[in-house]
Amino acid sequence: MVMTVTTRRERRERELRRKQREKRGGHPSRGSGGGGRGILIGAGIVLVLIVAILGLRQAGVLSLGAAVPAASPLPTPSPVAADDPARGTHDNDYSNAHVTAGTPVQYADLPPTSGSHWPSPAAPVKAGVYTQHIPFEATVHNLEHGGIVIVYNNLSADEVTRLNDFVQSSTAGTYKKVLDEPYPDLTRAKIVITAWRYHLDLQTVDISSMQRFIQAHYDSTEAPEPGTAW
């Protein structure tokens, strides 16, 4: 039987090696191959996550920007054909003189598309939906500024809702100077949409025709003060 004699020096060296291993983490080295594989796996996971995020953003599922407001139902402004019936009828010019607020005006045609009207601050009125008729002496000032005024009568409740929704969507989008109001004396049509010196008579809530009329005449250079706010 052979006995191994350990010297004091060897014991000190062995103890030093043990402490060094503990300092490195307590486990013997497994070689460089494992560490390299770990780096490759980690890089692959990061790449997959980046591709997934880009795919979600492209599909519109993930958005890092602010929410986009709902667009107006009206299409992007574009030329309306000169012979398009939705352009309506071209009316006479009855001037754009101002009269003292509260003074009644005798208009040649009703609803009027030009003529004398009340000055600021009585007019123009705000855009939007109205449940009562507004004096034409006020809304003609709206037309003067390049806006659109829609009057209606004898519509069903559902038709009024459709018309109001159209006006509200329009004013929330590109065409901000639009209003609608009831006009109890209207008999020749159920809806008349007007701009400065133009009108279009409709028997239904014809969204497409109203869209094209607005495109053709909104802020038209024929209006005395196009581009002016309400």
Protein backbone atom coordinates (compact mmCIF):
# COMPACT_ATOMS: atom_id res chain seq x y z
CA MET A 1 0.00 0.00 0.00
CA VAL A 2 1.36 3.31 -1.10
CA MET A 3 0.63 6.32 1.04
CA THR A 4 0.49 9.78 -0.48
CA VAL A 5 2.18 12.38 1.60
CA THR A 6 0.88 15.90 1.16
CA THR A 7 3.24 18.61 2.02
CA ARG A 8 2.20 21.79 3.72
CA ARG A 9 3.09 23.73 0.56
CA GLU A 10 0.81 21.60 -1.60
CA ARG A 11 -2.05 22.05 0.86
CA ARG A 12 -1.65 25.83 0.71
CA GLU A 13 -1.66 25.79 -3.11
CA ARG A 14 -4.74 23.56 -3.21
CA GLU A 15 -6.55 25.85 -0.77
CA LEU A 16 -5.59 28.88 -2.90
CA ARG A 17 -6.96 27.25 -6.06
CA ARG A 18 -10.21 26.43 -4.23
CA LYS A 19 -10.66 30.05 -3.12
CA GLN A 20 -9.94 31.28 -6.64
CA ARG A 21 -12.66 28.99 -8.02
CA GLU A 22 -15.15 30.26 -5.42
CA LYS A 23 -14.28 33.82 -6.33
CA ARG A 24 -15.10 33.08 -10.00
CA GLY A 25 -18.52 31.71 -9.11
CA GLY A 26 -17.95 28.46 -7.40
CA HIS A 27 -18.01 26.30 -10.54
CA PRO A 28 -15.24 25.05 -12.78
CA SER A 29 -15.01 26.52 -16.28
CA ARG A 30 -16.94 24.64 -18.97
CA GLY A 31 -14.99 26.09 -21.85
CA SER A 32 -15.71 28.89 -24.31
CA GLY A 33 -18.17 26.98 -26.52
CA GLY A 34 -21.15 27.30 -24.13
CA GLY A 35 -20.71 31.05 -23.71
CA GLY A 36 -20.66 31.57 -27.47
CA ARG A 37 -23.84 29.56 -27.95
CA GLY A 38 -25.58 31.66 -25.26
CA ILE A 39 -24.68 34.89 -27.02
CA LEU A 40 -26.00 33.58 -30.35
CA ILE A 41 -29.29 32.45 -28.77
CA GLY A 42 -29.76 35.82 -27.06
CA ALA A 43 -29.11 37.71 -30.29
CA GLY A 44 -31.63 35.49 -32.10
CA ILE A 45 -34.35 36.25 -29.54
CA VAL A 46 -33.75 40.00 -29.83
CA LEU A 47 -33.95 39.78 -33.64
CA VAL A 48 -37.27 37.86 -33.48
CA LEU A 49 -38.74 40.49 -31.12
CA ILE A 50 -37.69 43.34 -33.43
CA VAL A 51 -39.23 41.64 -36.48
CA ALA A 52 -42.47 40.98 -34.53
CA ILE A 53 -42.77 44.62 -33.41
CA LEU A 54 -42.16 45.91 -36.92
CA GLY A 55 -44.79 43.53 -38.25
CA LEU A 56 -47.38 44.70 -35.71
CA ARG A 57 -46.71 48.35 -36.52
CA GLN A 58 -46.99 47.66 -40.24
CA ALA A 59 -50.35 45.93 -39.68
CA GLY A 60 -51.59 48.86 -37.60
CA VAL A 61 -52.00 46.74 -34.47
CA LEU A 62 -49.25 48.55 -32.57
CA SER A 63 -49.07 52.33 -32.83
CA LEU A 64 -46.48 54.44 -31.06
CA GLY A 65 -47.91 57.75 -32.28
CA ALA A 66 -50.89 59.85 -31.29
CA ALA A 67 -54.35 58.68 -32.30
CA VAL A 68 -55.47 59.98 -35.69
CA PRO A 69 -58.84 61.80 -35.57
CA ALA A 70 -61.70 60.51 -37.70
CA ALA A 71 -61.67 61.95 -41.18
CA SER A 72 -64.44 63.98 -42.72
CA PRO A 73 -66.80 61.93 -44.90
CA LEU A 74 -65.99 64.34 -47.71
CA PRO A 75 -63.20 63.23 -50.04
CA THR A 76 -60.03 65.20 -50.60
CA PRO A 77 -60.89 68.43 -52.47
CA SER A 78 -60.69 67.86 -56.21
CA PRO A 79 -62.16 69.47 -59.32
CA VAL A 80 -65.87 68.89 -59.89
CA ALA A 81 -66.83 68.61 -63.56
CA ALA A 82 -68.34 71.77 -65.02
CA ASP A 83 -71.39 69.81 -66.21
CA ASP A 84 -71.91 67.93 -62.93
CA PRO A 85 -75.56 68.50 -61.86
CA ALA A 86 -74.37 68.60 -58.25
CA ARG A 87 -72.86 72.02 -58.94
CA GLY A 88 -76.42 73.33 -58.76
CA THR A 89 -77.91 76.50 -60.23
CA HIS A 90 -75.94 79.74 -60.64
CA ASP A 91 -78.03 82.60 -59.21
CA ASN A 92 -78.04 86.36 -59.70
CA ASP A 93 -75.80 88.58 -57.63
CA TYR A 94 -77.87 90.78 -55.31
CA SER A 95 -74.86 92.51 -53.74
CA ASN A 96 -73.35 92.01 -50.29
CA ALA A 97 -74.20 95.28 -48.56
CA HIS A 98 -74.46 95.42 -44.78
CA VAL A 99 -77.60 96.67 -43.08
CA THR A 100 -78.19 97.47 -39.42
CA ALA A 101 -78.57 94.30 -37.35
CA GLY A 102 -82.26 93.52 -36.84
CA THR A 103 -83.31 95.18 -40.08
CA PRO A 104 -85.37 92.79 -42.27
CA VAL A 105 -84.26 92.30 -45.87
CA GLN A 106 -86.59 91.50 -48.80
CA TYR A 107 -84.79 88.76 -50.74
CA ALA A 108 -85.64 88.01 -54.36
CA ASP A 109 -85.26 84.26 -53.79
CA LEU A 110 -85.62 82.09 -50.71
CA PRO A 111 -83.41 80.68 -49.47
CA PRO A 112 -81.14 83.51 -50.64
CA THR A 113 -77.66 82.97 -52.00
CA SER A 114 -76.58 86.63 -51.96
CA GLY A 115 -77.91 90.02 -50.91
CA SER A 116 -77.77 92.48 -48.05
CA HIS A 117 -77.21 91.06 -44.58
CA TRP A 118 -76.41 91.86 -40.98
CA PRO A 119 -72.83 92.75 -40.00
CA SER A 120 -70.67 91.47 -37.14
CA PRO A 121 -71.27 90.68 -34.32
CA ALA A 122 -74.82 89.66 -35.27
CA ALA A 123 -73.47 87.56 -38.14
CA PRO A 124 -72.07 85.28 -39.33
CA VAL A 125 -73.33 82.59 -36.97
CA LYS A 126 -71.36 79.55 -35.83
CA ALA A 127 -71.14 76.40 -37.91
CA GLY A 128 -72.96 73.22 -36.95
CA VAL A 129 -76.46 71.85 -36.45
CA TYR A 130 -79.42 74.08 -35.57
CA THR A 131 -82.89 72.99 -34.50
CA GLN A 132 -84.57 76.33 -35.21
CA HIS A 133 -84.54 78.56 -38.26
CA ILE A 134 -81.97 81.35 -38.28
CA PRO A 135 -82.81 84.65 -40.04
CA PHE A 136 -81.42 84.69 -43.56
CA GLU A 137 -80.10 88.19 -42.82
CA ALA A 138 -77.53 86.41 -40.63
CA THR A 139 -76.74 83.30 -42.70
CA VAL A 140 -76.17 85.24 -45.93
CA HIS A 141 -73.13 86.66 -44.13
CA ASN A 142 -71.97 83.03 -43.70
CA LEU A 143 -72.24 82.56 -47.47
CA GLU A 144 -70.29 85.77 -48.02
CA HIS A 145 -67.37 84.19 -46.14
CA GLY A 146 -67.33 81.19 -48.49
CA GLY A 147 -69.39 78.88 -46.29
CA ILE A 148 -72.27 76.50 -46.93
CA VAL A 149 -75.82 76.77 -45.53
CA ILE A 150 -78.30 73.88 -45.77
CA VAL A 151 -82.03 74.33 -45.12
CA TYR A 152 -84.58 71.53 -44.94
CA ASN A 153 -88.27 70.76 -44.39
CA ASN A 154 -90.55 67.70 -44.33
CA LEU A 155 -87.76 65.25 -43.49
CA SER A 156 -88.36 62.19 -41.35
CA ALA A 157 -86.58 61.92 -38.00
CA ASP A 158 -84.12 59.42 -39.50
CA GLU A 159 -83.42 61.76 -42.43
CA VAL A 160 -82.78 64.69 -40.10
CA THR A 161 -80.34 62.51 -38.14
CA ARG A 162 -78.49 61.56 -41.34
CA LEU A 163 -78.26 65.19 -42.41
CA ASN A 164 -77.09 66.34 -38.98
CA ASP A 165 -74.46 63.59 -38.86
CA PHE A 166 -73.19 64.68 -42.26
CA VAL A 167 -72.86 68.31 -41.14
CA GLN A 168 -71.16 67.40 -37.86
CA SER A 169 -68.65 65.16 -39.63
CA SER A 170 -67.97 67.86 -42.22
CA THR A 171 -67.29 70.55 -39.63
CA ALA A 172 -64.97 68.17 -37.76
CA GLY A 173 -62.93 67.64 -40.91
CA THR A 174 -61.86 69.76 -43.86
CA TYR A 175 -65.08 71.72 -44.39
CA LYS A 176 -65.58 73.60 -41.14
CA LYS A 177 -67.92 76.35 -42.38
CA VAL A 178 -71.10 74.32 -42.88
CA LEU A 179 -74.43 74.56 -41.04
CA ASP A 180 -77.92 73.14 -41.40
CA GLU A 181 -81.24 74.44 -40.11
CA PRO A 182 -84.97 73.78 -40.54
CA TYR A 183 -86.88 76.15 -42.82
CA PRO A 184 -90.66 75.59 -42.36
CA ASP A 185 -91.60 77.58 -45.49
CA LEU A 186 -89.53 75.41 -47.83
CA THR A 187 -91.90 73.68 -50.31
CA ARG A 188 -90.06 73.27 -53.63
CA ALA A 189 -87.68 70.64 -52.21
CA LYS A 190 -86.93 68.82 -48.98
CA ILE A 191 -83.36 70.12 -48.84
CA VAL A 192 -81.70 73.15 -50.41
CA ILE A 193 -77.93 73.45 -50.05
CA THR A 194 -76.55 76.93 -50.76
CA ALA A 195 -73.27 78.74 -51.35
CA TRP A 196 -72.66 82.30 -52.52
CA ARG A 197 -74.75 82.61 -55.74
CA TYR A 198 -75.36 78.86 -56.00
CA HIS A 199 -78.09 76.49 -54.80
CA LEU A 200 -78.99 72.83 -55.28
CA ASP A 201 -82.49 71.43 -54.61
CA LEU A 202 -82.71 67.85 -53.31
CA GLN A 203 -85.65 65.58 -52.51
CA THR A 204 -83.61 63.19 -50.34
CA VAL A 205 -80.57 63.29 -48.06
CA ASP A 206 -78.28 62.83 -51.05
CA ILE A 207 -74.86 62.71 -49.37
CA SER A 208 -72.92 62.27 -52.61
CA SER A 209 -74.50 65.33 -54.28
CA MET A 210 -74.00 67.47 -51.17
CA GLN A 211 -70.35 66.39 -51.02
CA ARG A 212 -69.73 67.46 -54.62
CA PHE A 213 -71.62 70.74 -54.16
CA ILE A 214 -69.43 71.58 -51.16
CA GLN A 215 -66.26 70.63 -53.03
CA ALA A 216 -67.26 72.91 -55.91
CA HIS A 217 -68.25 75.98 -53.89
CA TYR A 218 -66.62 75.90 -50.44
CA ASP A 219 -64.46 79.04 -50.08
CA SER A 220 -65.06 79.75 -53.76
CA THR A 221 -63.35 82.82 -55.17
CA GLU A 222 -66.80 83.94 -56.32
CA ALA A 223 -67.70 84.65 -52.69
CA PRO A 224 -66.84 88.22 -51.64
CA GLU A 225 -64.73 87.11 -48.64
CA PRO A 226 -63.55 83.51 -49.17
CA GLY A 227 -61.30 82.02 -46.52
CA THR A 228 -62.70 84.20 -43.74
CA ALA A 229 -63.57 82.34 -40.55
CA TRP A 230 -67.06 82.25 -39.05
